[in-house]
Amino acid sequence: MTIRLPVSDLTPATLAAMSGLSTASKQNSLDPLLRELVQIRASQINGCAYCTDLHTRAARAAGERQQRLDLLPVWREAPGFDDRERAALALAEAVTVLSSGVPEDVRAEAAEQFDERELTELLWVIAVINTWNRMVATTGAWEVSR
């Protein structure tokens, strides 16, 4: 059973801070489509239907092709994802699951594809979407807006 909590009523200051962090994590040098792909993939792994839907719609609105969105769960086996996207998706999956840390080869590939600033920006995007996923999936807080 999902706990239904009115997050915005019970913790407005924390929600406002999280919303600010979310906004700040989007104000970066990363390609907006890459950012959406990472957010979608983390949301899929976390089982957050709300965030998956939200970011899939945002990706389509930004020009992402439906075929790539359909193939996102199997991106490793699918054509059409470039090296930067593959490195970002691998990092997003490793950070989202974190069962045994982030593998060194995943870190190395990400560091090869992104400069230090971009890599830090990417990590913030991954951290923020994981926090939203956990709040929405746990509380049923569908009314939470970002």
N, C-alpha and C. Protein backbone atom coordinates (compact mmCIF):
# COMPACT_ATOMS: atom_id res chain seq x y z
N MET A 1 0.84 -1.17 0.00
CA MET A 1 0.00 0.00 0.00
C MET A 1 0.89 1.24 0.00
N THR A 2 0.58 2.20 -0.83
CA THR A 2 1.33 3.45 -0.89
C THR A 2 0.82 4.41 0.16
N ILE A 3 1.75 5.01 0.85
CA ILE A 3 1.41 6.03 1.84
C ILE A 3 1.06 7.30 1.08
N ARG A 4 -0.08 7.88 1.34
CA ARG A 4 -0.47 9.14 0.70
C ARG A 4 -0.19 10.28 1.66
N LEU A 5 0.78 11.08 1.34
CA LEU A 5 1.14 12.21 2.20
C LEU A 5 1.06 13.51 1.41
N PRO A 6 0.43 14.52 1.99
CA PRO A 6 0.39 15.83 1.34
C PRO A 6 1.73 16.55 1.56
N VAL A 7 2.72 16.17 0.78
CA VAL A 7 4.09 16.66 0.95
C VAL A 7 4.14 18.19 0.95
N SER A 8 3.44 18.81 0.02
CA SER A 8 3.51 20.26 -0.07
C SER A 8 2.90 20.95 1.15
N ASP A 9 1.93 20.33 1.80
CA ASP A 9 1.33 20.90 3.00
C ASP A 9 2.17 20.65 4.25
N LEU A 10 2.76 19.46 4.33
CA LEU A 10 3.47 19.06 5.54
C LEU A 10 4.89 19.62 5.62
N THR A 11 5.54 19.76 4.48
CA THR A 11 6.94 20.22 4.48
C THR A 11 7.18 21.24 3.37
N PRO A 12 6.49 22.36 3.41
CA PRO A 12 6.61 23.33 2.32
C PRO A 12 8.02 23.90 2.16
N ALA A 13 8.73 24.11 3.23
CA ALA A 13 10.08 24.68 3.11
C ALA A 13 11.03 23.69 2.45
N THR A 14 10.92 22.42 2.81
CA THR A 14 11.77 21.39 2.19
C THR A 14 11.42 21.23 0.72
N LEU A 15 10.13 21.23 0.41
CA LEU A 15 9.70 21.13 -0.97
C LEU A 15 10.20 22.32 -1.78
N ALA A 16 10.14 23.51 -1.22
CA ALA A 16 10.64 24.70 -1.91
C ALA A 16 12.14 24.59 -2.15
N ALA A 17 12.87 24.09 -1.17
CA ALA A 17 14.32 23.92 -1.34
C ALA A 17 14.61 22.88 -2.42
N MET A 18 13.86 21.79 -2.42
CA MET A 18 14.04 20.75 -3.43
C MET A 18 13.70 21.29 -4.81
N SER A 19 12.66 22.07 -4.91
CA SER A 19 12.29 22.69 -6.18
C SER A 19 13.40 23.61 -6.67
N GLY A 20 14.00 24.35 -5.74
CA GLY A 20 15.12 25.22 -6.10
C GLY A 20 16.32 24.43 -6.58
N LEU A 21 16.61 23.31 -5.91
CA LEU A 21 17.71 22.44 -6.33
C LEU A 21 17.42 21.86 -7.71
N SER A 22 16.18 21.49 -7.94
CA SER A 22 15.79 20.95 -9.24
C SER A 22 15.99 21.98 -10.34
N THR A 23 15.56 23.20 -10.09
CA THR A 23 15.74 24.29 -11.06
C THR A 23 17.22 24.55 -11.31
N ALA A 24 18.00 24.60 -10.25
CA ALA A 24 19.44 24.85 -10.40
C ALA A 24 20.12 23.74 -11.18
N SER A 25 19.70 22.49 -10.97
CA SER A 25 20.34 21.37 -11.67
C SER A 25 20.04 21.39 -13.17
N LYS A 26 19.01 22.10 -13.57
CA LYS A 26 18.66 22.20 -14.99
C LYS A 26 19.34 23.38 -15.67
N GLN A 27 19.89 24.28 -14.89
CA GLN A 27 20.55 25.46 -15.45
C GLN A 27 22.03 25.14 -15.61
N ASN A 28 22.32 24.32 -16.60
CA ASN A 28 23.70 23.89 -16.80
C ASN A 28 24.01 23.80 -18.30
N SER A 29 25.18 23.33 -18.60
CA SER A 29 25.65 23.29 -19.98
C SER A 29 25.28 22.00 -20.70
N LEU A 30 24.61 21.09 -20.03
CA LEU A 30 24.26 19.81 -20.65
C LEU A 30 23.18 19.98 -21.70
N ASP A 31 23.23 19.15 -22.72
CA ASP A 31 22.20 19.11 -23.74
C ASP A 31 20.87 18.75 -23.06
N PRO A 32 19.83 19.56 -23.25
CA PRO A 32 18.54 19.27 -22.59
C PRO A 32 17.99 17.88 -22.91
N LEU A 33 18.20 17.38 -24.11
CA LEU A 33 17.71 16.04 -24.43
C LEU A 33 18.48 14.97 -23.66
N LEU A 34 19.78 15.16 -23.50
CA LEU A 34 20.58 14.24 -22.70
C LEU A 34 20.06 14.23 -21.26
N ARG A 35 19.80 15.40 -20.74
CA ARG A 35 19.28 15.54 -19.38
C ARG A 35 17.96 14.78 -19.24
N GLU A 36 17.09 14.92 -20.22
CA GLU A 36 15.79 14.22 -20.15
C GLU A 36 15.98 12.70 -20.23
N LEU A 37 16.87 12.23 -21.10
CA LEU A 37 17.11 10.79 -21.21
C LEU A 37 17.58 10.21 -19.88
N VAL A 38 18.48 10.92 -19.22
CA VAL A 38 18.99 10.48 -17.92
C VAL A 38 17.87 10.45 -16.89
N GLN A 39 17.04 11.47 -16.88
CA GLN A 39 15.94 11.53 -15.91
C GLN A 39 14.91 10.44 -16.18
N ILE A 40 14.64 10.17 -17.44
CA ILE A 40 13.70 9.10 -17.78
C ILE A 40 14.25 7.76 -17.34
N ARG A 41 15.52 7.50 -17.66
CA ARG A 41 16.10 6.19 -17.34
C ARG A 41 16.12 5.95 -15.84
N ALA A 42 16.52 6.94 -15.06
CA ALA A 42 16.52 6.78 -13.60
C ALA A 42 15.09 6.55 -13.09
N SER A 43 14.15 7.27 -13.65
CA SER A 43 12.75 7.12 -13.23
C SER A 43 12.21 5.75 -13.57
N GLN A 44 12.60 5.20 -14.72
CA GLN A 44 12.20 3.84 -15.09
C GLN A 44 12.74 2.83 -14.08
N ILE A 45 14.02 2.96 -13.76
CA ILE A 45 14.64 2.04 -12.81
C ILE A 45 13.96 2.12 -11.45
N ASN A 46 13.62 3.32 -11.03
CA ASN A 46 12.99 3.53 -9.72
C ASN A 46 11.50 3.22 -9.71
N GLY A 47 10.94 2.91 -10.87
CA GLY A 47 9.52 2.59 -10.93
C GLY A 47 8.63 3.78 -10.66
N CYS A 48 9.09 4.97 -11.02
CA CYS A 48 8.29 6.18 -10.80
C CYS A 48 7.55 6.54 -12.09
N ALA A 49 6.30 6.12 -12.17
CA ALA A 49 5.49 6.35 -13.36
C ALA A 49 5.29 7.84 -13.62
N TYR A 50 5.06 8.60 -12.55
CA TYR A 50 4.83 10.03 -12.71
C TYR A 50 6.02 10.71 -13.37
N CYS A 51 7.23 10.48 -12.84
CA CYS A 51 8.42 11.13 -13.38
C CYS A 51 8.77 10.60 -14.77
N THR A 52 8.56 9.31 -14.99
CA THR A 52 8.80 8.75 -16.32
C THR A 52 7.90 9.45 -17.33
N ASP A 53 6.64 9.59 -17.02
CA ASP A 53 5.69 10.25 -17.91
C ASP A 53 6.06 11.71 -18.11
N LEU A 54 6.35 12.41 -17.03
CA LEU A 54 6.69 13.83 -17.09
C LEU A 54 7.89 14.08 -18.00
N HIS A 55 8.96 13.31 -17.80
CA HIS A 55 10.19 13.55 -18.57
C HIS A 55 10.12 12.98 -19.98
N THR A 56 9.32 11.96 -20.19
CA THR A 56 9.11 11.47 -21.56
C THR A 56 8.37 12.51 -22.38
N ARG A 57 7.35 13.12 -21.79
CA ARG A 57 6.63 14.19 -22.49
C ARG A 57 7.54 15.38 -22.75
N ALA A 58 8.38 15.74 -21.77
CA ALA A 58 9.31 16.85 -21.95
C ALA A 58 10.33 16.55 -23.05
N ALA A 59 10.79 15.32 -23.10
CA ALA A 59 11.77 14.93 -24.14
C ALA A 59 11.13 15.02 -25.53
N ARG A 60 9.91 14.53 -25.66
CA ARG A 60 9.22 14.62 -26.96
C ARG A 60 9.00 16.08 -27.34
N ALA A 61 8.61 16.89 -26.39
CA ALA A 61 8.38 18.32 -26.66
C ALA A 61 9.68 19.02 -27.09
N ALA A 62 10.82 18.53 -26.60
CA ALA A 62 12.12 19.11 -26.95
C ALA A 62 12.67 18.53 -28.25
N GLY A 63 11.93 17.61 -28.87
CA GLY A 63 12.33 17.07 -30.16
C GLY A 63 12.87 15.65 -30.16
N GLU A 64 12.83 14.98 -29.03
CA GLU A 64 13.31 13.60 -29.00
C GLU A 64 12.39 12.70 -29.80
N ARG A 65 12.98 11.75 -30.50
CA ARG A 65 12.20 10.80 -31.31
C ARG A 65 11.61 9.70 -30.44
N GLN A 66 10.40 9.31 -30.77
CA GLN A 66 9.71 8.27 -30.01
C GLN A 66 10.49 6.95 -30.03
N GLN A 67 11.10 6.62 -31.14
CA GLN A 67 11.83 5.36 -31.24
C GLN A 67 12.93 5.28 -30.18
N ARG A 68 13.68 6.36 -29.99
CA ARG A 68 14.74 6.34 -28.98
C ARG A 68 14.16 6.22 -27.57
N LEU A 69 13.02 6.85 -27.34
CA LEU A 69 12.37 6.72 -26.04
C LEU A 69 11.90 5.28 -25.80
N ASP A 70 11.39 4.66 -26.86
CA ASP A 70 10.96 3.27 -26.76
C ASP A 70 12.13 2.33 -26.45
N LEU A 71 13.30 2.66 -26.99
CA LEU A 71 14.48 1.80 -26.82
C LEU A 71 15.30 2.12 -25.57
N LEU A 72 14.93 3.14 -24.85
CA LEU A 72 15.72 3.57 -23.70
C LEU A 72 15.95 2.46 -22.67
N PRO A 73 14.96 1.63 -22.35
CA PRO A 73 15.23 0.56 -21.37
C PRO A 73 16.29 -0.44 -21.85
N VAL A 74 16.52 -0.53 -23.14
CA VAL A 74 17.50 -1.46 -23.70
C VAL A 74 18.57 -0.71 -24.49
N TRP A 75 18.96 0.46 -24.02
CA TRP A 75 19.88 1.33 -24.74
C TRP A 75 21.21 0.65 -25.04
N ARG A 76 21.67 -0.25 -24.20
CA ARG A 76 22.95 -0.92 -24.44
C ARG A 76 22.93 -1.74 -25.72
N GLU A 77 21.79 -2.34 -26.01
CA GLU A 77 21.66 -3.19 -27.19
C GLU A 77 21.13 -2.44 -28.42
N ALA A 78 20.69 -1.21 -28.21
CA ALA A 78 20.00 -0.47 -29.27
C ALA A 78 20.96 0.46 -30.03
N PRO A 79 20.72 0.60 -31.32
CA PRO A 79 21.48 1.60 -32.08
C PRO A 79 20.89 2.99 -31.81
N GLY A 80 21.61 4.01 -32.20
CA GLY A 80 21.05 5.35 -32.14
C GLY A 80 21.41 6.17 -30.92
N PHE A 81 22.20 5.62 -30.00
CA PHE A 81 22.66 6.39 -28.85
C PHE A 81 24.16 6.62 -29.03
N ASP A 82 24.59 7.88 -28.92
CA ASP A 82 26.00 8.19 -29.13
C ASP A 82 26.82 7.90 -27.87
N ASP A 83 28.12 8.07 -27.96
CA ASP A 83 29.02 7.73 -26.85
C ASP A 83 28.74 8.54 -25.59
N ARG A 84 28.45 9.82 -25.75
CA ARG A 84 28.13 10.66 -24.58
C ARG A 84 26.85 10.19 -23.91
N GLU A 85 25.83 9.91 -24.71
CA GLU A 85 24.57 9.42 -24.15
C GLU A 85 24.77 8.09 -23.44
N ARG A 86 25.53 7.20 -24.05
CA ARG A 86 25.79 5.89 -23.44
C ARG A 86 26.53 6.04 -22.11
N ALA A 87 27.52 6.93 -22.08
CA ALA A 87 28.26 7.16 -20.83
C ALA A 87 27.34 7.75 -19.76
N ALA A 88 26.50 8.69 -20.15
CA ALA A 88 25.57 9.32 -19.20
C ALA A 88 24.54 8.32 -18.70
N LEU A 89 24.01 7.49 -19.57
CA LEU A 89 23.02 6.50 -19.16
C LEU A 89 23.64 5.44 -18.25
N ALA A 90 24.86 5.02 -18.56
CA ALA A 90 25.54 4.04 -17.70
C ALA A 90 25.77 4.63 -16.32
N LEU A 91 26.19 5.88 -16.27
CA LEU A 91 26.41 6.55 -14.98
C LEU A 91 25.08 6.69 -14.23
N ALA A 92 24.03 7.10 -14.93
CA ALA A 92 22.71 7.25 -14.29
C ALA A 92 22.25 5.93 -13.69
N GLU A 93 22.43 4.84 -14.42
CA GLU A 93 22.02 3.54 -13.90
C GLU A 93 22.84 3.14 -12.69
N ALA A 94 24.15 3.34 -12.77
CA ALA A 94 25.03 2.95 -11.66
C ALA A 94 24.74 3.77 -10.40
N VAL A 95 24.53 5.07 -10.56
CA VAL A 95 24.25 5.93 -9.41
C VAL A 95 22.85 5.64 -8.86
N THR A 96 21.92 5.33 -9.72
CA THR A 96 20.54 5.05 -9.28
C THR A 96 20.47 3.74 -8.50
N VAL A 97 21.14 2.72 -8.96
CA VAL A 97 21.10 1.42 -8.29
C VAL A 97 22.04 1.39 -7.09
N LEU A 98 23.27 1.82 -7.26
CA LEU A 98 24.28 1.95 -6.20
C LEU A 98 24.42 0.74 -5.28
N SER A 99 24.07 -0.44 -5.74
CA SER A 99 24.16 -1.61 -4.88
C SER A 99 25.59 -1.92 -4.47
N SER A 100 26.53 -1.69 -5.36
CA SER A 100 27.93 -1.96 -5.02
C SER A 100 28.82 -0.81 -5.47
N GLY A 101 28.27 0.39 -5.45
CA GLY A 101 29.05 1.55 -5.87
C GLY A 101 29.03 1.72 -7.38
N VAL A 102 29.69 2.75 -7.83
CA VAL A 102 29.77 3.02 -9.27
C VAL A 102 31.03 2.34 -9.80
N PRO A 103 30.87 1.42 -10.75
CA PRO A 103 32.04 0.71 -11.28
C PRO A 103 33.06 1.68 -11.89
N GLU A 104 34.31 1.35 -11.71
CA GLU A 104 35.40 2.21 -12.19
C GLU A 104 35.32 2.43 -13.70
N ASP A 105 34.94 1.41 -14.46
CA ASP A 105 34.86 1.58 -15.92
C ASP A 105 33.75 2.56 -16.30
N VAL A 106 32.68 2.60 -15.53
CA VAL A 106 31.59 3.55 -15.78
C VAL A 106 32.07 4.97 -15.48
N ARG A 107 32.77 5.12 -14.36
CA ARG A 107 33.35 6.43 -14.01
C ARG A 107 34.33 6.89 -15.07
N ALA A 108 35.20 5.99 -15.51
CA ALA A 108 36.22 6.34 -16.50
C ALA A 108 35.59 6.75 -17.83
N GLU A 109 34.59 6.03 -18.26
CA GLU A 109 33.91 6.37 -19.52
C GLU A 109 33.22 7.72 -19.42
N ALA A 110 32.56 7.97 -18.30
CA ALA A 110 31.91 9.27 -18.11
C ALA A 110 32.95 10.39 -18.09
N ALA A 111 34.06 10.17 -17.44
CA ALA A 111 35.12 11.19 -17.38
C ALA A 111 35.75 11.43 -18.75
N GLU A 112 35.72 10.42 -19.58
CA GLU A 112 36.24 10.57 -20.95
C GLU A 112 35.27 11.37 -21.82
N GLN A 113 34.00 11.25 -21.59
CA GLN A 113 32.99 11.88 -22.42
C GLN A 113 32.60 13.29 -21.95
N PHE A 114 32.79 13.58 -20.67
CA PHE A 114 32.36 14.85 -20.10
C PHE A 114 33.53 15.51 -19.38
N ASP A 115 33.65 16.83 -19.52
CA ASP A 115 34.68 17.52 -18.73
C ASP A 115 34.21 17.56 -17.27
N GLU A 116 35.06 18.03 -16.37
CA GLU A 116 34.74 17.99 -14.94
C GLU A 116 33.46 18.74 -14.60
N ARG A 117 33.27 19.89 -15.20
CA ARG A 117 32.05 20.67 -14.92
C ARG A 117 30.82 19.92 -15.40
N GLU A 118 30.85 19.41 -16.63
CA GLU A 118 29.71 18.67 -17.18
C GLU A 118 29.42 17.42 -16.34
N LEU A 119 30.47 16.74 -15.92
CA LEU A 119 30.28 15.53 -15.13
C LEU A 119 29.62 15.87 -13.79
N THR A 120 30.05 16.93 -13.19
CA THR A 120 29.43 17.38 -11.93
C THR A 120 27.98 17.77 -12.16
N GLU A 121 27.71 18.49 -13.25
CA GLU A 121 26.32 18.86 -13.59
C GLU A 121 25.47 17.61 -13.80
N LEU A 122 26.01 16.64 -14.49
CA LEU A 122 25.30 15.38 -14.75
C LEU A 122 25.00 14.66 -13.43
N LEU A 123 25.95 14.62 -12.54
CA LEU A 123 25.72 13.98 -11.24
C LEU A 123 24.61 14.67 -10.45
N TRP A 124 24.55 16.00 -10.52
CA TRP A 124 23.46 16.71 -9.85
C TRP A 124 22.11 16.35 -10.46
N VAL A 125 22.04 16.28 -11.79
CA VAL A 125 20.78 15.90 -12.45
C VAL A 125 20.34 14.52 -11.98
N ILE A 126 21.29 13.58 -11.92
CA ILE A 126 20.98 12.21 -11.48
C ILE A 126 20.53 12.21 -10.02
N ALA A 127 21.23 12.94 -9.17
CA ALA A 127 20.87 12.98 -7.75
C ALA A 127 19.48 13.57 -7.54
N VAL A 128 19.18 14.64 -8.25
CA VAL A 128 17.89 15.31 -8.09
C VAL A 128 16.74 14.41 -8.54
N ILE A 129 16.88 13.79 -9.73
CA ILE A 129 15.77 12.95 -10.20
C ILE A 129 15.57 11.76 -9.29
N ASN A 130 16.65 11.21 -8.75
CA ASN A 130 16.50 10.09 -7.82
C ASN A 130 15.75 10.51 -6.56
N THR A 131 16.00 11.71 -6.07
CA THR A 131 15.27 12.20 -4.90
C THR A 131 13.79 12.39 -5.22
N TRP A 132 13.49 13.02 -6.37
CA TRP A 132 12.08 13.17 -6.76
C TRP A 132 11.41 11.81 -6.90
N ASN A 133 12.09 10.87 -7.57
CA ASN A 133 11.51 9.53 -7.75
C ASN A 133 11.15 8.90 -6.41
N ARG A 134 12.05 8.99 -5.47
CA ARG A 134 11.81 8.36 -4.18
C ARG A 134 10.66 9.02 -3.43
N MET A 135 10.57 10.33 -3.50
CA MET A 135 9.47 11.02 -2.82
C MET A 135 8.13 10.69 -3.47
N VAL A 136 8.07 10.75 -4.78
CA VAL A 136 6.80 10.50 -5.48
C VAL A 136 6.39 9.04 -5.35
N ALA A 137 7.34 8.12 -5.57
CA ALA A 137 7.01 6.70 -5.52
C ALA A 137 6.62 6.26 -4.10
N THR A 138 7.22 6.87 -3.10
CA THR A 138 6.95 6.47 -1.72
C THR A 138 5.68 7.13 -1.16
N THR A 139 5.45 8.38 -1.47
CA THR A 139 4.35 9.09 -0.85
C THR A 139 3.09 9.18 -1.70
N GLY A 140 3.21 8.83 -2.98
CA GLY A 140 2.07 8.99 -3.85
C GLY A 140 1.77 10.45 -4.08
N ALA A 141 2.77 11.30 -3.94
CA ALA A 141 2.60 12.75 -4.03
C ALA A 141 2.55 13.22 -5.47
N TRP A 142 1.52 12.78 -6.17
CA TRP A 142 1.40 13.12 -7.59
C TRP A 142 1.22 14.62 -7.79
N GLU A 143 0.78 15.32 -6.76
CA GLU A 143 0.55 16.76 -6.89
C GLU A 143 1.84 17.55 -6.81
N VAL A 144 2.94 16.89 -6.46
CA VAL A 144 4.22 17.59 -6.37
C VAL A 144 4.58 18.12 -7.73
N SER A 145 4.87 19.40 -7.80
CA SER A 145 5.26 19.98 -9.08
C SER A 145 6.69 20.45 -8.99
N ARG A 146 7.39 20.33 -10.12
CA ARG A 146 8.78 20.74 -10.14
C ARG A 146 8.91 21.94 -11.03
